Amino acid sequence: MNRRAVNATDEADLDEYEADVVDDDPADVYEDDEIYDEAPGAPRSLGLILTIGGILGFIGAFVLTIERIEMLLDSSYLPTCSIDSVLQCSTVMTSSQASVFGFPNPLIGVFAFPLVILTGVLVLARVALPSWYWLWFLVGTTYGLLFVGWLIPQSLYEIRALCPYCMVVWACVIPIFWRTLAYTLAGGHFGERVAGNALVRVIGRWWWVLTLVTYAVVLTLVLTAFPYYFF
C-alpha cells in the first residue's frame, strides 16, 4: 500500500471518529450524573438526622415516661435526672405544663419519634416518599418545634428548673424541624414555583446555620435564666 493510500485510510478513520462524536447524544455523556441526580428519595443527610435524632429523642421521651411512672407509683421516688435545685426533673414533671393534654407530655414523643425513625430509615434506603407524606410530616415536626418552643420558656421562667432528659428532646427536635423544612420546600413538595423562590433556596442550603442559630438562642436563654448557676 502506497503512502497516498495510507493517508486516505487515516483520513477516513478520522472522519468516522468525528462523526461518531458529533452524533453522540450529550445526555449519554452525562448519563451517570443524570442517573445519580434522578435517584429516588430524599438527601442522605435528612435520613441521618431523622434516624439519629429520632433515636435520641425516643430514648429521652421513653426514660421520662418511665421516671414519671415511678413517681406515680412511689411519691418518694427521686428521678435520676434530679441532680440539684436547677437540674430538677421532678419539679418539671409534676408541673401543670408537663401534662398539657391531660397525660404526660413524654408520651407524645414515645409515639411520635418511632415515626421519625422509620422515615429516616426509609430515606436512607432511598425509598421515594410521596409529597403528601412530606407535607404531613412537616406539619408534625412544626408542631413539635412549636411545642418545644412553648415548653422552653415555661421551664426557664415559670417552673424555674431544667430537666436534662427534656433538653435532649429539645436538641433533637430542632434539627429535625429545620432539615425537614428545608427539604420539603426546596425539594419541590410545595411545587416548583416555591422550590425556585430565593428565600427557599437559602433555607434549603443553609438549614444547618438556622439550626445552630436556634441552638444559640436556646443556650442564651438558659444561661441568662440561671446566671447564678452557670457563672
Protein backbone atom coordinates (compact mmCIF):
# COMPACT_ATOMS: atom_id res chain seq x y z
CA MET A 1 0.00 0.00 0.00
CA ASN A 2 1.48 3.35 -1.07
CA ARG A 3 1.74 6.50 1.06
CA ARG A 4 -1.31 8.08 -0.63
CA ALA A 5 -3.49 5.06 0.21
CA VAL A 6 -2.34 5.08 3.85
CA ASN A 7 -3.15 8.79 4.21
CA ALA A 8 -6.58 8.25 2.67
CA THR A 9 -7.26 5.44 5.15
CA ASP A 10 -6.19 7.60 8.10
CA GLU A 11 -8.38 10.48 6.93
CA ALA A 12 -11.35 8.16 6.55
CA ASP A 13 -10.85 6.82 10.09
CA LEU A 14 -10.59 10.40 11.45
CA ASP A 15 -13.78 11.45 9.65
CA GLU A 16 -15.60 8.40 11.03
CA TYR A 17 -14.41 9.18 14.61
CA GLU A 18 -15.51 12.82 14.33
CA ALA A 19 -18.89 11.75 13.02
CA ASP A 20 -19.35 9.42 15.97
CA VAL A 21 -18.53 12.24 18.42
CA VAL A 22 -20.94 14.65 16.74
CA ASP A 23 -23.70 12.05 16.64
CA ASP A 24 -23.30 11.22 20.34
CA ASP A 25 -26.20 12.48 22.42
CA PRO A 26 -24.88 14.86 25.12
CA ALA A 27 -27.23 13.17 27.53
CA ASP A 28 -25.27 9.92 27.02
CA VAL A 29 -22.04 11.62 28.06
CA TYR A 30 -23.55 12.64 31.41
CA GLU A 31 -25.71 9.57 31.79
CA ASP A 32 -24.19 8.59 35.13
CA ASP A 33 -24.67 12.08 36.57
CA GLU A 34 -28.29 12.16 35.46
CA ILE A 35 -28.96 8.77 36.96
CA TYR A 36 -27.49 9.99 40.23
CA ASP A 37 -29.48 13.22 40.16
CA GLU A 38 -32.70 11.40 39.43
CA ALA A 39 -32.15 8.77 42.12
CA PRO A 40 -35.33 8.37 44.17
CA GLY A 41 -35.61 9.51 47.74
CA ALA A 42 -34.52 12.46 49.85
CA PRO A 43 -30.94 13.53 50.71
CA ARG A 44 -28.88 11.21 52.87
CA SER A 45 -28.28 13.99 55.40
CA LEU A 46 -32.03 14.16 56.04
CA GLY A 47 -32.16 10.43 56.63
CA LEU A 48 -29.27 10.56 59.10
CA ILE A 49 -30.75 13.46 61.06
CA LEU A 50 -34.19 11.84 61.25
CA THR A 51 -32.78 8.46 62.26
CA ILE A 52 -30.24 9.64 64.83
CA GLY A 53 -32.44 12.45 66.14
CA GLY A 54 -35.42 10.13 66.32
CA ILE A 55 -33.49 7.50 68.28
CA LEU A 56 -32.09 10.00 70.79
CA GLY A 57 -35.44 11.76 71.11
CA PHE A 58 -37.23 8.46 71.69
CA ILE A 59 -34.74 7.47 74.38
CA GLY A 60 -35.26 10.81 76.14
CA ALA A 61 -39.05 10.57 75.94
CA PHE A 62 -39.09 6.92 76.97
CA VAL A 63 -36.88 7.49 80.02
CA LEU A 64 -39.03 10.46 81.05
CA THR A 65 -42.13 8.28 80.79
CA ILE A 66 -40.58 5.56 82.95
CA GLU A 67 -39.47 8.15 85.50
CA ARG A 68 -42.95 9.62 85.64
CA ILE A 69 -44.49 6.18 86.19
CA GLU A 70 -42.03 5.56 89.02
CA MET A 71 -43.04 8.85 90.62
CA LEU A 72 -46.73 7.90 90.39
CA LEU A 73 -46.05 4.53 91.99
CA ASP A 74 -43.81 5.93 94.71
CA SER A 75 -44.27 9.52 95.88
CA SER A 76 -40.83 9.48 97.49
CA TYR A 77 -39.08 8.38 94.29
CA LEU A 78 -36.35 10.75 93.10
CA PRO A 79 -35.79 10.74 89.32
CA THR A 80 -32.28 10.02 88.09
CA CYS A 81 -32.16 13.43 86.42
CA SER A 82 -32.92 15.32 89.62
CA ILE A 83 -29.41 16.48 90.48
CA ASP A 84 -29.74 19.80 92.28
CA SER A 85 -32.04 22.79 92.63
CA VAL A 86 -31.72 23.75 88.94
CA LEU A 87 -31.32 20.38 87.23
CA GLN A 88 -34.52 19.07 88.77
CA CYS A 89 -36.69 16.73 86.69
CA SER A 90 -39.17 16.06 89.49
CA THR A 91 -40.11 19.74 89.66
CA VAL A 92 -40.67 19.85 85.92
CA MET A 93 -42.57 16.56 85.68
CA THR A 94 -45.00 17.44 88.48
CA SER A 95 -45.86 20.84 86.99
CA SER A 96 -49.09 21.50 85.12
CA GLN A 97 -47.09 22.24 81.96
CA ALA A 98 -45.85 18.64 81.96
CA SER A 99 -49.35 17.32 81.20
CA VAL A 100 -50.79 19.86 78.81
CA PHE A 101 -53.27 17.42 77.22
CA GLY A 102 -54.16 15.54 80.39
CA PHE A 103 -51.40 12.94 80.10
CA PRO A 104 -47.59 13.20 80.48
CA ASN A 105 -46.03 15.12 77.59
CA PRO A 106 -43.30 12.48 77.02
CA LEU A 107 -45.96 10.07 75.75
CA ILE A 108 -46.23 12.26 72.66
CA GLY A 109 -42.56 11.64 71.96
CA VAL A 110 -42.86 7.92 72.66
CA PHE A 111 -45.41 7.62 69.85
CA ALA A 112 -44.03 10.31 67.52
CA PHE A 113 -40.30 9.55 67.44
CA PRO A 114 -40.70 5.99 66.07
CA LEU A 115 -42.36 7.55 63.01
CA VAL A 116 -39.40 9.91 62.70
CA ILE A 117 -37.01 6.95 62.90
CA LEU A 118 -39.00 5.00 60.31
CA THR A 119 -38.97 7.96 57.94
CA GLY A 120 -35.23 8.34 58.37
CA VAL A 121 -34.62 4.67 57.64
CA LEU A 122 -36.78 4.84 54.51
CA VAL A 123 -34.84 7.89 53.32
CA LEU A 124 -31.52 6.09 53.87
CA ALA A 125 -32.93 3.13 51.94
CA ARG A 126 -33.61 5.53 49.03
CA VAL A 127 -37.37 5.00 49.20
CA ALA A 128 -39.19 7.83 47.41
CA LEU A 129 -41.98 9.02 49.68
CA PRO A 130 -44.89 10.97 48.14
CA SER A 131 -45.30 14.71 48.58
CA TRP A 132 -48.41 14.34 50.73
CA TYR A 133 -46.38 12.33 53.22
CA TRP A 134 -43.69 15.01 53.46
CA LEU A 135 -46.29 17.75 53.86
CA TRP A 136 -47.95 15.99 56.77
CA PHE A 137 -44.57 15.08 58.22
CA LEU A 138 -43.65 18.76 58.12
CA VAL A 139 -46.88 19.56 59.96
CA GLY A 140 -45.83 17.13 62.68
CA THR A 141 -42.30 18.48 63.00
CA THR A 142 -43.63 22.05 63.03
CA TYR A 143 -45.96 21.13 65.88
CA GLY A 144 -43.00 19.57 67.67
CA LEU A 145 -40.89 22.72 67.35
CA LEU A 146 -43.76 25.00 68.44
CA PHE A 147 -44.50 22.79 71.43
CA VAL A 148 -40.83 22.74 72.43
CA GLY A 149 -40.70 26.50 71.83
CA TRP A 150 -43.52 26.89 74.35
CA LEU A 151 -42.07 24.47 76.88
CA ILE A 152 -38.64 26.12 76.97
CA PRO A 153 -39.75 29.50 78.40
CA GLN A 154 -42.19 27.68 80.69
CA SER A 155 -39.32 25.68 82.10
CA LEU A 156 -36.99 28.68 82.36
CA TYR A 157 -39.30 31.38 83.70
CA GLU A 158 -42.35 29.67 85.21
CA ILE A 159 -41.15 26.35 86.59
CA ARG A 160 -37.63 27.67 87.18
CA ALA A 161 -35.97 24.28 86.70
CA LEU A 162 -34.25 22.32 83.95
CA CYS A 163 -34.93 18.72 83.01
CA PRO A 164 -31.84 17.13 81.35
CA TYR A 165 -33.87 14.49 79.53
CA CYS A 166 -36.24 17.18 78.30
CA MET A 167 -33.30 19.14 76.93
CA VAL A 168 -32.21 16.06 74.97
CA VAL A 169 -35.62 16.10 73.29
CA TRP A 170 -35.28 19.84 72.62
CA ALA A 171 -31.89 19.26 70.99
CA CYS A 172 -33.34 16.57 68.72
CA VAL A 173 -36.49 18.38 67.61
CA ILE A 174 -34.64 21.50 66.41
CA PRO A 175 -32.51 19.93 63.61
CA ILE A 176 -35.33 17.53 62.68
CA PHE A 177 -37.59 20.51 62.00
CA TRP A 178 -35.10 22.65 60.07
CA ARG A 179 -33.85 19.80 57.88
CA THR A 180 -37.39 18.64 57.12
CA LEU A 181 -38.49 22.19 56.31
CA ALA A 182 -35.51 22.73 54.02
CA TYR A 183 -36.09 19.52 52.09
CA THR A 184 -39.86 19.88 51.82
CA LEU A 185 -39.61 23.43 50.48
CA ALA A 186 -36.54 23.10 48.25
CA GLY A 187 -37.40 19.57 47.17
CA GLY A 188 -40.46 20.73 45.25
CA HIS A 189 -43.12 19.23 47.51
CA PHE A 190 -44.88 22.61 47.60
CA GLY A 191 -44.50 22.99 43.84
CA GLU A 192 -41.75 24.15 41.51
CA ARG A 193 -42.56 27.84 41.99
CA VAL A 194 -41.98 27.59 45.72
CA ALA A 195 -38.85 25.50 45.21
CA GLY A 196 -37.40 28.18 42.96
CA ASN A 197 -38.01 31.01 45.40
CA ALA A 198 -34.82 32.77 46.51
CA LEU A 199 -35.64 32.55 50.23
CA VAL A 200 -36.50 28.87 49.93
CA ARG A 201 -33.18 28.21 48.21
CA VAL A 202 -31.38 29.94 51.07
CA ILE A 203 -33.22 27.79 53.62
CA GLY A 204 -32.51 24.69 51.57
CA ARG A 205 -28.80 25.40 51.53
CA TRP A 206 -28.26 26.95 54.95
CA TRP A 207 -30.63 24.93 57.14
CA TRP A 208 -27.70 23.89 59.32
CA VAL A 209 -26.92 27.56 60.06
CA LEU A 210 -30.55 28.06 61.12
CA THR A 211 -30.17 25.03 63.37
CA LEU A 212 -27.04 26.48 65.00
CA VAL A 213 -28.72 29.87 65.43
CA THR A 214 -31.67 28.20 67.16
CA TYR A 215 -29.30 26.32 69.45
CA ALA A 216 -27.52 29.60 70.24
CA VAL A 217 -30.81 31.32 71.11
CA VAL A 218 -31.87 28.48 73.43
CA LEU A 219 -28.44 28.37 75.08
CA THR A 220 -28.53 32.13 75.63
CA LEU A 221 -31.97 31.89 77.23
CA VAL A 222 -30.81 29.11 79.54
CA LEU A 223 -27.67 30.96 80.61
CA THR A 224 -29.49 34.23 81.24
CA ALA A 225 -32.29 32.49 83.15
CA PHE A 226 -29.85 30.88 85.58
CA PRO A 227 -26.76 33.14 85.64
CA TYR A 228 -26.05 32.27 89.29
CA TYR A 229 -25.83 28.59 88.36
CA PHE A 230 -23.59 28.77 85.31
CA PHE A 231 -21.36 31.74 86.21
